[in-house]
Amino acid sequence: FTITRDNAESTLYLQMNSLEPEDT
């Protein structure tokens, strides 16, 4: 997972890769 933010857009992101059932 990667957390990023774009303060100009007032937006927070969470990029989730290689998801597993345990991430549900």
mmCIF file of all heavy atoms, coordinates in Angstrom:
data_MODEL
# 
_entry.id   MODEL 
# 
loop_
_atom_site.group_PDB 
_atom_site.id 
_atom_site.type_symbol 
_atom_site.label_atom_id 
_atom_site.label_alt_id 
_atom_site.label_comp_id 
_atom_site.label_asym_id 
_atom_site.label_entity_id 
_atom_site.label_seq_id 
_atom_site.pdbx_PDB_ins_code 
_atom_site.Cartn_x 
_atom_site.Cartn_y 
_atom_site.Cartn_z 
_atom_site.occupancy 
_atom_site.B_iso_or_equiv 
_atom_site.pdbx_formal_charge 
_atom_site.auth_seq_id 
_atom_site.auth_comp_id 
_atom_site.auth_asym_id 
_atom_site.auth_atom_id 
_atom_site.pdbx_PDB_model_num 
ATOM 1   N N   . PHE A 1 1  ? 0.837   -1.193  0.000  1.00 0.00 ? 1  PHE A N   1 
ATOM 2   C CA  . PHE A 1 1  ? 0.000   0.000   0.000  1.00 0.00 ? 1  PHE A CA  1 
ATOM 3   C C   . PHE A 1 1  ? 0.877   1.249   0.000  1.00 0.00 ? 1  PHE A C   1 
ATOM 4   O O   . PHE A 1 1  ? 1.973   1.263   0.571  1.00 0.00 ? 1  PHE A O   1 
ATOM 5   C CB  . PHE A 1 1  ? -0.887  0.047   1.244  1.00 0.00 ? 1  PHE A CB  1 
ATOM 6   C CG  . PHE A 1 1  ? -1.967  -0.992  1.300  1.00 0.00 ? 1  PHE A CG  1 
ATOM 7   C CD1 . PHE A 1 1  ? -2.029  -2.048  0.403  1.00 0.00 ? 1  PHE A CD1 1 
ATOM 8   C CD2 . PHE A 1 1  ? -2.947  -0.904  2.283  1.00 0.00 ? 1  PHE A CD2 1 
ATOM 9   C CE1 . PHE A 1 1  ? -3.024  -3.005  0.473  1.00 0.00 ? 1  PHE A CE1 1 
ATOM 10  C CE2 . PHE A 1 1  ? -3.952  -1.852  2.363  1.00 0.00 ? 1  PHE A CE2 1 
ATOM 11  C CZ  . PHE A 1 1  ? -3.992  -2.903  1.461  1.00 0.00 ? 1  PHE A CZ  1 
ATOM 12  N N   . THR A 1 2  ? 0.362   2.306   -0.602 1.00 0.00 ? 2  THR A N   1 
ATOM 13  C CA  . THR A 1 2  ? 1.057   3.578   -0.610 1.00 0.00 ? 2  THR A CA  1 
ATOM 14  C C   . THR A 1 2  ? 0.072   4.693   -0.288 1.00 0.00 ? 2  THR A C   1 
ATOM 15  O O   . THR A 1 2  ? -0.960  4.819   -0.951 1.00 0.00 ? 2  THR A O   1 
ATOM 16  C CB  . THR A 1 2  ? 1.712   3.862   -1.968 1.00 0.00 ? 2  THR A CB  1 
ATOM 17  O OG1 . THR A 1 2  ? 2.614   2.798   -2.298 1.00 0.00 ? 2  THR A OG1 1 
ATOM 18  C CG2 . THR A 1 2  ? 2.502   5.169   -1.916 1.00 0.00 ? 2  THR A CG2 1 
ATOM 19  N N   . ILE A 1 3  ? 0.396   5.480   0.719  1.00 0.00 ? 3  ILE A N   1 
ATOM 20  C CA  . ILE A 1 3  ? -0.439  6.618   1.072  1.00 0.00 ? 3  ILE A CA  1 
ATOM 21  C C   . ILE A 1 3  ? 0.186   7.879   0.497  1.00 0.00 ? 3  ILE A C   1 
ATOM 22  O O   . ILE A 1 3  ? 1.387   8.101   0.608  1.00 0.00 ? 3  ILE A O   1 
ATOM 23  C CB  . ILE A 1 3  ? -0.623  6.726   2.600  1.00 0.00 ? 3  ILE A CB  1 
ATOM 24  C CG1 . ILE A 1 3  ? -1.614  7.848   2.944  1.00 0.00 ? 3  ILE A CG1 1 
ATOM 25  C CG2 . ILE A 1 3  ? 0.701   6.928   3.318  1.00 0.00 ? 3  ILE A CG2 1 
ATOM 26  C CD1 . ILE A 1 3  ? -2.030  7.861   4.407  1.00 0.00 ? 3  ILE A CD1 1 
ATOM 27  N N   . THR A 1 4  ? -0.632  8.689   -0.140 1.00 0.00 ? 4  THR A N   1 
ATOM 28  C CA  . THR A 1 4  ? -0.184  9.956   -0.694 1.00 0.00 ? 4  THR A CA  1 
ATOM 29  C C   . THR A 1 4  ? -1.263  10.999  -0.459 1.00 0.00 ? 4  THR A C   1 
ATOM 30  O O   . THR A 1 4  ? -2.399  10.675  -0.119 1.00 0.00 ? 4  THR A O   1 
ATOM 31  C CB  . THR A 1 4  ? 0.114   9.862   -2.199 1.00 0.00 ? 4  THR A CB  1 
ATOM 32  O OG1 . THR A 1 4  ? -1.057  9.409   -2.897 1.00 0.00 ? 4  THR A OG1 1 
ATOM 33  C CG2 . THR A 1 4  ? 1.264   8.913   -2.477 1.00 0.00 ? 4  THR A CG2 1 
ATOM 34  N N   . ARG A 1 5  ? -0.895  12.239  -0.649 1.00 0.00 ? 5  ARG A N   1 
ATOM 35  C CA  . ARG A 1 5  ? -1.884  13.300  -0.561 1.00 0.00 ? 5  ARG A CA  1 
ATOM 36  C C   . ARG A 1 5  ? -1.570  14.375  -1.584 1.00 0.00 ? 5  ARG A C   1 
ATOM 37  O O   . ARG A 1 5  ? -0.413  14.609  -1.932 1.00 0.00 ? 5  ARG A O   1 
ATOM 38  C CB  . ARG A 1 5  ? -1.955  13.882  0.853  1.00 0.00 ? 5  ARG A CB  1 
ATOM 39  C CG  . ARG A 1 5  ? -0.728  14.669  1.290  1.00 0.00 ? 5  ARG A CG  1 
ATOM 40  C CD  . ARG A 1 5  ? -0.763  14.969  2.790  1.00 0.00 ? 5  ARG A CD  1 
ATOM 41  N NE  . ARG A 1 5  ? -1.966  15.701  3.166  1.00 0.00 ? 5  ARG A NE  1 
ATOM 42  C CZ  . ARG A 1 5  ? -2.447  15.793  4.404  1.00 0.00 ? 5  ARG A CZ  1 
ATOM 43  N NH1 . ARG A 1 5  ? -1.811  15.158  5.403  1.00 0.00 ? 5  ARG A NH1 1 
ATOM 44  N NH2 . ARG A 1 5  ? -3.539  16.493  4.653  1.00 0.00 ? 5  ARG A NH2 1 
ATOM 45  N N   . ASP A 1 6  ? -2.621  15.013  -2.045 1.00 0.00 ? 6  ASP A N   1 
ATOM 46  C CA  . ASP A 1 6  ? -2.511  16.132  -2.954 1.00 0.00 ? 6  ASP A CA  1 
ATOM 47  C C   . ASP A 1 6  ? -3.212  17.288  -2.263 1.00 0.00 ? 6  ASP A C   1 
ATOM 48  O O   . ASP A 1 6  ? -4.432  17.415  -2.332 1.00 0.00 ? 6  ASP A O   1 
ATOM 49  C CB  . ASP A 1 6  ? -3.150  15.813  -4.296 1.00 0.00 ? 6  ASP A CB  1 
ATOM 50  C CG  . ASP A 1 6  ? -2.985  16.926  -5.306 1.00 0.00 ? 6  ASP A CG  1 
ATOM 51  O OD1 . ASP A 1 6  ? -2.658  18.060  -4.915 1.00 0.00 ? 6  ASP A OD1 1 
ATOM 52  O OD2 . ASP A 1 6  ? -3.185  16.667  -6.505 1.00 0.00 ? 6  ASP A OD2 1 
ATOM 53  N N   . ASN A 1 7  ? -2.435  18.102  -1.590 1.00 0.00 ? 7  ASN A N   1 
ATOM 54  C CA  . ASN A 1 7  ? -3.037  19.173  -0.805 1.00 0.00 ? 7  ASN A CA  1 
ATOM 55  C C   . ASN A 1 7  ? -3.708  20.231  -1.679 1.00 0.00 ? 7  ASN A C   1 
ATOM 56  O O   . ASN A 1 7  ? -4.648  20.892  -1.241 1.00 0.00 ? 7  ASN A O   1 
ATOM 57  C CB  . ASN A 1 7  ? -1.991  19.813  0.102  1.00 0.00 ? 7  ASN A CB  1 
ATOM 58  C CG  . ASN A 1 7  ? -1.632  18.930  1.273  1.00 0.00 ? 7  ASN A CG  1 
ATOM 59  O OD1 . ASN A 1 7  ? -2.324  17.949  1.565  1.00 0.00 ? 7  ASN A OD1 1 
ATOM 60  N ND2 . ASN A 1 7  ? -0.554  19.267  1.966  1.00 0.00 ? 7  ASN A ND2 1 
ATOM 61  N N   . ALA A 1 8  ? -3.215  20.401  -2.892 1.00 0.00 ? 8  ALA A N   1 
ATOM 62  C CA  . ALA A 1 8  ? -3.851  21.342  -3.798 1.00 0.00 ? 8  ALA A CA  1 
ATOM 63  C C   . ALA A 1 8  ? -5.271  20.905  -4.132 1.00 0.00 ? 8  ALA A C   1 
ATOM 64  O O   . ALA A 1 8  ? -6.145  21.743  -4.364 1.00 0.00 ? 8  ALA A O   1 
ATOM 65  C CB  . ALA A 1 8  ? -3.037  21.493  -5.075 1.00 0.00 ? 8  ALA A CB  1 
ATOM 66  N N   . GLU A 1 9  ? -5.489  19.588  -4.146 1.00 0.00 ? 9  GLU A N   1 
ATOM 67  C CA  . GLU A 1 9  ? -6.816  19.046  -4.418 1.00 0.00 ? 9  GLU A CA  1 
ATOM 68  C C   . GLU A 1 9  ? -7.543  18.645  -3.141 1.00 0.00 ? 9  GLU A C   1 
ATOM 69  O O   . GLU A 1 9  ? -8.675  18.165  -3.213 1.00 0.00 ? 9  GLU A O   1 
ATOM 70  C CB  . GLU A 1 9  ? -6.709  17.836  -5.343 1.00 0.00 ? 9  GLU A CB  1 
ATOM 71  C CG  . GLU A 1 9  ? -6.090  18.139  -6.696 1.00 0.00 ? 9  GLU A CG  1 
ATOM 72  C CD  . GLU A 1 9  ? -7.006  18.939  -7.589 1.00 0.00 ? 9  GLU A CD  1 
ATOM 73  O OE1 . GLU A 1 9  ? -8.231  18.954  -7.340 1.00 0.00 ? 9  GLU A OE1 1 
ATOM 74  O OE2 . GLU A 1 9  ? -6.512  19.564  -8.546 1.00 0.00 ? 9  GLU A OE2 1 
ATOM 75  N N   . SER A 1 10 ? -6.898  18.820  -2.004 1.00 0.00 ? 10 SER A N   1 
ATOM 76  C CA  . SER A 1 10 ? -7.464  18.440  -0.708 1.00 0.00 ? 10 SER A CA  1 
ATOM 77  C C   . SER A 1 10 ? -7.902  16.977  -0.702 1.00 0.00 ? 10 SER A C   1 
ATOM 78  O O   . SER A 1 10 ? -8.973  16.625  -0.194 1.00 0.00 ? 10 SER A O   1 
ATOM 79  C CB  . SER A 1 10 ? -8.644  19.346  -0.345 1.00 0.00 ? 10 SER A CB  1 
ATOM 80  O OG  . SER A 1 10 ? -8.231  20.687  -0.238 1.00 0.00 ? 10 SER A OG  1 
ATOM 81  N N   . THR A 1 11 ? -7.053  16.127  -1.255 1.00 0.00 ? 11 THR A N   1 
ATOM 82  C CA  . THR A 1 11 ? -7.407  14.727  -1.418 1.00 0.00 ? 11 THR A CA  1 
ATOM 83  C C   . THR A 1 11 ? -6.311  13.816  -0.877 1.00 0.00 ? 11 THR A C   1 
ATOM 84  O O   . THR A 1 11 ? -5.126  14.035  -1.126 1.00 0.00 ? 11 THR A O   1 
ATOM 85  C CB  . THR A 1 11 ? -7.666  14.394  -2.890 1.00 0.00 ? 11 THR A CB  1 
ATOM 86  O OG1 . THR A 1 11 ? -8.686  15.262  -3.399 1.00 0.00 ? 11 THR A OG1 1 
ATOM 87  C CG2 . THR A 1 11 ? -8.125  12.959  -3.047 1.00 0.00 ? 11 THR A CG2 1 
ATOM 88  N N   . LEU A 1 12 ? -6.724  12.810  -0.160 1.00 0.00 ? 12 LEU A N   1 
ATOM 89  C CA  . LEU A 1 12 ? -5.861  11.759  0.353  1.00 0.00 ? 12 LEU A CA  1 
ATOM 90  C C   . LEU A 1 12 ? -6.103  10.502  -0.459 1.00 0.00 ? 12 LEU A C   1 
ATOM 91  O O   . LEU A 1 12 ? -7.249  10.199  -0.816 1.00 0.00 ? 12 LEU A O   1 
ATOM 92  C CB  . LEU A 1 12 ? -6.177  11.506  1.825  1.00 0.00 ? 12 LEU A CB  1 
ATOM 93  C CG  . LEU A 1 12 ? -5.394  10.399  2.527  1.00 0.00 ? 12 LEU A CG  1 
ATOM 94  C CD1 . LEU A 1 12 ? -3.962  10.859  2.791  1.00 0.00 ? 12 LEU A CD1 1 
ATOM 95  C CD2 . LEU A 1 12 ? -6.091  10.007  3.827  1.00 0.00 ? 12 LEU A CD2 1 
ATOM 96  N N   . TYR A 1 13 ? -5.041  9.756   -0.717 1.00 0.00 ? 13 TYR A N   1 
ATOM 97  C CA  . TYR A 1 13 ? -5.153  8.534   -1.497 1.00 0.00 ? 13 TYR A CA  1 
ATOM 98  C C   . TYR A 1 13 ? -4.541  7.361   -0.757 1.00 0.00 ? 13 TYR A C   1 
ATOM 99  O O   . TYR A 1 13 ? -3.625  7.508   0.044  1.00 0.00 ? 13 TYR A O   1 
ATOM 100 C CB  . TYR A 1 13 ? -4.436  8.671   -2.841 1.00 0.00 ? 13 TYR A CB  1 
ATOM 101 C CG  . TYR A 1 13 ? -4.965  9.759   -3.727 1.00 0.00 ? 13 TYR A CG  1 
ATOM 102 C CD1 . TYR A 1 13 ? -4.332  10.997  -3.778 1.00 0.00 ? 13 TYR A CD1 1 
ATOM 103 C CD2 . TYR A 1 13 ? -6.082  9.553   -4.520 1.00 0.00 ? 13 TYR A CD2 1 
ATOM 104 C CE1 . TYR A 1 13 ? -4.804  12.006  -4.599 1.00 0.00 ? 13 TYR A CE1 1 
ATOM 105 C CE2 . TYR A 1 13 ? -6.563  10.550  -5.342 1.00 0.00 ? 13 TYR A CE2 1 
ATOM 106 C CZ  . TYR A 1 13 ? -5.925  11.772  -5.383 1.00 0.00 ? 13 TYR A CZ  1 
ATOM 107 O OH  . TYR A 1 13 ? -6.403  12.760  -6.205 1.00 0.00 ? 13 TYR A OH  1 
ATOM 108 N N   . LEU A 1 14 ? -5.049  6.195   -1.063 1.00 0.00 ? 14 LEU A N   1 
ATOM 109 C CA  . LEU A 1 14 ? -4.422  4.958   -0.634 1.00 0.00 ? 14 LEU A CA  1 
ATOM 110 C C   . LEU A 1 14 ? -4.400  4.028   -1.832 1.00 0.00 ? 14 LEU A C   1 
ATOM 111 O O   . LEU A 1 14 ? -5.446  3.513   -2.247 1.00 0.00 ? 14 LEU A O   1 
ATOM 112 C CB  . LEU A 1 14 ? -5.167  4.310   0.532  1.00 0.00 ? 14 LEU A CB  1 
ATOM 113 C CG  . LEU A 1 14 ? -4.507  3.054   1.101  1.00 0.00 ? 14 LEU A CG  1 
ATOM 114 C CD1 . LEU A 1 14 ? -3.193  3.406   1.794  1.00 0.00 ? 14 LEU A CD1 1 
ATOM 115 C CD2 . LEU A 1 14 ? -5.442  2.334   2.069  1.00 0.00 ? 14 LEU A CD2 1 
ATOM 116 N N   . GLN A 1 15 ? -3.225  3.845   -2.392 1.00 0.00 ? 15 GLN A N   1 
ATOM 117 C CA  . GLN A 1 15 ? -3.053  2.904   -3.488 1.00 0.00 ? 15 GLN A CA  1 
ATOM 118 C C   . GLN A 1 15 ? -2.792  1.534   -2.896 1.00 0.00 ? 15 GLN A C   1 
ATOM 119 O O   . GLN A 1 15 ? -1.829  1.350   -2.151 1.00 0.00 ? 15 GLN A O   1 
ATOM 120 C CB  . GLN A 1 15 ? -1.888  3.322   -4.380 1.00 0.00 ? 15 GLN A CB  1 
ATOM 121 C CG  . GLN A 1 15 ? -1.616  2.366   -5.539 1.00 0.00 ? 15 GLN A CG  1 
ATOM 122 C CD  . GLN A 1 15 ? -2.737  2.336   -6.542 1.00 0.00 ? 15 GLN A CD  1 
ATOM 123 O OE1 . GLN A 1 15 ? -3.229  3.379   -6.956 1.00 0.00 ? 15 GLN A OE1 1 
ATOM 124 N NE2 . GLN A 1 15 ? -3.161  1.137   -6.933 1.00 0.00 ? 15 GLN A NE2 1 
ATOM 125 N N   . MET A 1 16 ? -3.637  0.583   -3.217 1.00 0.00 ? 16 MET A N   1 
ATOM 126 C CA  . MET A 1 16 ? -3.554  -0.754  -2.663 1.00 0.00 ? 16 MET A CA  1 
ATOM 127 C C   . MET A 1 16 ? -3.265  -1.737  -3.786 1.00 0.00 ? 16 MET A C   1 
ATOM 128 O O   . MET A 1 16 ? -4.082  -1.912  -4.691 1.00 0.00 ? 16 MET A O   1 
ATOM 129 C CB  . MET A 1 16 ? -4.848  -1.129  -1.938 1.00 0.00 ? 16 MET A CB  1 
ATOM 130 C CG  . MET A 1 16 ? -5.250  -0.140  -0.851 1.00 0.00 ? 16 MET A CG  1 
ATOM 131 S SD  . MET A 1 16 ? -6.711  -0.685  0.083  1.00 0.00 ? 16 MET A SD  1 
ATOM 132 C CE  . MET A 1 16 ? -7.959  -0.576  -1.204 1.00 0.00 ? 16 MET A CE  1 
ATOM 133 N N   . ASN A 1 17 ? -2.117  -2.359  -3.717 1.00 0.00 ? 17 ASN A N   1 
ATOM 134 C CA  . ASN A 1 17 ? -1.707  -3.345  -4.710 1.00 0.00 ? 17 ASN A CA  1 
ATOM 135 C C   . ASN A 1 17 ? -1.570  -4.714  -4.061 1.00 0.00 ? 17 ASN A C   1 
ATOM 136 O O   . ASN A 1 17 ? -1.458  -4.829  -2.844 1.00 0.00 ? 17 ASN A O   1 
ATOM 137 C CB  . ASN A 1 17 ? -0.377  -2.945  -5.350 1.00 0.00 ? 17 ASN A CB  1 
ATOM 138 C CG  . ASN A 1 17 ? -0.443  -1.638  -6.091 1.00 0.00 ? 17 ASN A CG  1 
ATOM 139 O OD1 . ASN A 1 17 ? -1.465  -1.297  -6.674 1.00 0.00 ? 17 ASN A OD1 1 
ATOM 140 N ND2 . ASN A 1 17 ? 0.667   -0.900  -6.092 1.00 0.00 ? 17 ASN A ND2 1 
ATOM 141 N N   . SER A 1 18 ? -1.558  -5.735  -4.883 1.00 0.00 ? 18 SER A N   1 
ATOM 142 C CA  . SER A 1 18 ? -1.400  -7.112  -4.402 1.00 0.00 ? 18 SER A CA  1 
ATOM 143 C C   . SER A 1 18 ? -2.366  -7.407  -3.267 1.00 0.00 ? 18 SER A C   1 
ATOM 144 O O   . SER A 1 18 ? -1.992  -7.955  -2.227 1.00 0.00 ? 18 SER A O   1 
ATOM 145 C CB  . SER A 1 18 ? 0.048   -7.356  -3.962 1.00 0.00 ? 18 SER A CB  1 
ATOM 146 O OG  . SER A 1 18 ? 0.949   -7.131  -5.029 1.00 0.00 ? 18 SER A OG  1 
ATOM 147 N N   . LEU A 1 19 ? -3.609  -7.054  -3.469 1.00 0.00 ? 19 LEU A N   1 
ATOM 148 C CA  . LEU A 1 19 ? -4.612  -7.215  -2.423 1.00 0.00 ? 19 LEU A CA  1 
ATOM 149 C C   . LEU A 1 19 ? -4.832  -8.685  -2.077 1.00 0.00 ? 19 LEU A C   1 
ATOM 150 O O   . LEU A 1 19 ? -4.774  -9.560  -2.947 1.00 0.00 ? 19 LEU A O   1 
ATOM 151 C CB  . LEU A 1 19 ? -5.920  -6.572  -2.844 1.00 0.00 ? 19 LEU A CB  1 
ATOM 152 C CG  . LEU A 1 19 ? -5.934  -5.048  -2.729 1.00 0.00 ? 19 LEU A CG  1 
ATOM 153 C CD1 . LEU A 1 19 ? -7.063  -4.456  -3.554 1.00 0.00 ? 19 LEU A CD1 1 
ATOM 154 C CD2 . LEU A 1 19 ? -6.067  -4.637  -1.266 1.00 0.00 ? 19 LEU A CD2 1 
ATOM 155 N N   . GLU A 1 20 ? -5.079  -8.909  -0.812 1.00 0.00 ? 20 GLU A N   1 
ATOM 156 C CA  . GLU A 1 20 ? -5.297  -10.243 -0.272 1.00 0.00 ? 20 GLU A CA  1 
ATOM 157 C C   . GLU A 1 20 ? -6.663  -10.293 0.401  1.00 0.00 ? 20 GLU A C   1 
ATOM 158 O O   . GLU A 1 20 ? -7.188  -9.265  0.825  1.00 0.00 ? 20 GLU A O   1 
ATOM 159 C CB  . GLU A 1 20 ? -4.203  -10.582 0.746  1.00 0.00 ? 20 GLU A CB  1 
ATOM 160 C CG  . GLU A 1 20 ? -2.798  -10.467 0.195  1.00 0.00 ? 20 GLU A CG  1 
ATOM 161 C CD  . GLU A 1 20 ? -1.730  -10.504 1.269  1.00 0.00 ? 20 GLU A CD  1 
ATOM 162 O OE1 . GLU A 1 20 ? -2.088  -10.450 2.474  1.00 0.00 ? 20 GLU A OE1 1 
ATOM 163 O OE2 . GLU A 1 20 ? -0.546  -10.592 0.919  1.00 0.00 ? 20 GLU A OE2 1 
ATOM 164 N N   . PRO A 1 21 ? -7.258  -11.483 0.517  1.00 0.00 ? 21 PRO A N   1 
ATOM 165 C CA  . PRO A 1 21 ? -8.548  -11.573 1.214  1.00 0.00 ? 21 PRO A CA  1 
ATOM 166 C C   . PRO A 1 21 ? -8.511  -10.977 2.615  1.00 0.00 ? 21 PRO A C   1 
ATOM 167 O O   . PRO A 1 21 ? -9.522  -10.442 3.083  1.00 0.00 ? 21 PRO A O   1 
ATOM 168 C CB  . PRO A 1 21 ? -8.813  -13.082 1.246  1.00 0.00 ? 21 PRO A CB  1 
ATOM 169 C CG  . PRO A 1 21 ? -8.128  -13.593 0.023  1.00 0.00 ? 21 PRO A CG  1 
ATOM 170 C CD  . PRO A 1 21 ? -6.871  -12.763 -0.089 1.00 0.00 ? 21 PRO A CD  1 
ATOM 171 N N   . GLU A 1 22 ? -7.368  -11.043 3.270  1.00 0.00 ? 22 GLU A N   1 
ATOM 172 C CA  . GLU A 1 22 ? -7.217  -10.489 4.612  1.00 0.00 ? 22 GLU A CA  1 
ATOM 173 C C   . GLU A 1 22 ? -7.337  -8.973  4.637  1.00 0.00 ? 22 GLU A C   1 
ATOM 174 O O   . GLU A 1 22 ? -7.480  -8.383  5.710  1.00 0.00 ? 22 GLU A O   1 
ATOM 175 C CB  . GLU A 1 22 ? -5.876  -10.913 5.216  1.00 0.00 ? 22 GLU A CB  1 
ATOM 176 C CG  . GLU A 1 22 ? -5.763  -12.410 5.506  1.00 0.00 ? 22 GLU A CG  1 
ATOM 177 C CD  . GLU A 1 22 ? -5.542  -13.258 4.258  1.00 0.00 ? 22 GLU A CD  1 
ATOM 178 O OE1 . GLU A 1 22 ? -5.156  -12.707 3.210  1.00 0.00 ? 22 GLU A OE1 1 
ATOM 179 O OE2 . GLU A 1 22 ? -5.766  -14.485 4.338  1.00 0.00 ? 22 GLU A OE2 1 
ATOM 180 N N   . ASP A 1 23 ? -7.267  -8.342  3.481  1.00 0.00 ? 23 ASP A N   1 
ATOM 181 C CA  . ASP A 1 23 ? -7.433  -6.895  3.401  1.00 0.00 ? 23 ASP A CA  1 
ATOM 182 C C   . ASP A 1 23 ? -8.901  -6.478  3.390  1.00 0.00 ? 23 ASP A C   1 
ATOM 183 O O   . ASP A 1 23 ? -9.202  -5.283  3.440  1.00 0.00 ? 23 ASP A O   1 
ATOM 184 C CB  . ASP A 1 23 ? -6.751  -6.343  2.154  1.00 0.00 ? 23 ASP A CB  1 
ATOM 185 C CG  . ASP A 1 23 ? -5.247  -6.548  2.177  1.00 0.00 ? 23 ASP A CG  1 
ATOM 186 O OD1 . ASP A 1 23 ? -4.626  -6.301  3.230  1.00 0.00 ? 23 ASP A OD1 1 
ATOM 187 O OD2 . ASP A 1 23 ? -4.688  -6.953  1.130  1.00 0.00 ? 23 ASP A OD2 1 
ATOM 188 N N   . THR A 1 24 ? -9.803  -7.431  3.309  1.00 0.00 ? 24 THR A N   1 
ATOM 189 C CA  . THR A 1 24 ? -11.230 -7.124  3.280  1.00 0.00 ? 24 THR A CA  1 
ATOM 190 C C   . THR A 1 24 ? -11.646 -6.418  4.559  1.00 0.00 ? 24 THR A C   1 
ATOM 191 O O   . THR A 1 24 ? -11.421 -6.916  5.660  1.00 0.00 ? 24 THR A O   1 
ATOM 192 C CB  . THR A 1 24 ? -12.047 -8.400  3.094  1.00 0.00 ? 24 THR A CB  1 
ATOM 193 O OG1 . THR A 1 24 ? -11.753 -8.967  1.810  1.00 0.00 ? 24 THR A OG1 1 
ATOM 194 C CG2 . THR A 1 24 ? -13.536 -8.113  3.186  1.00 0.00 ? 24 THR A CG2 1 
# 
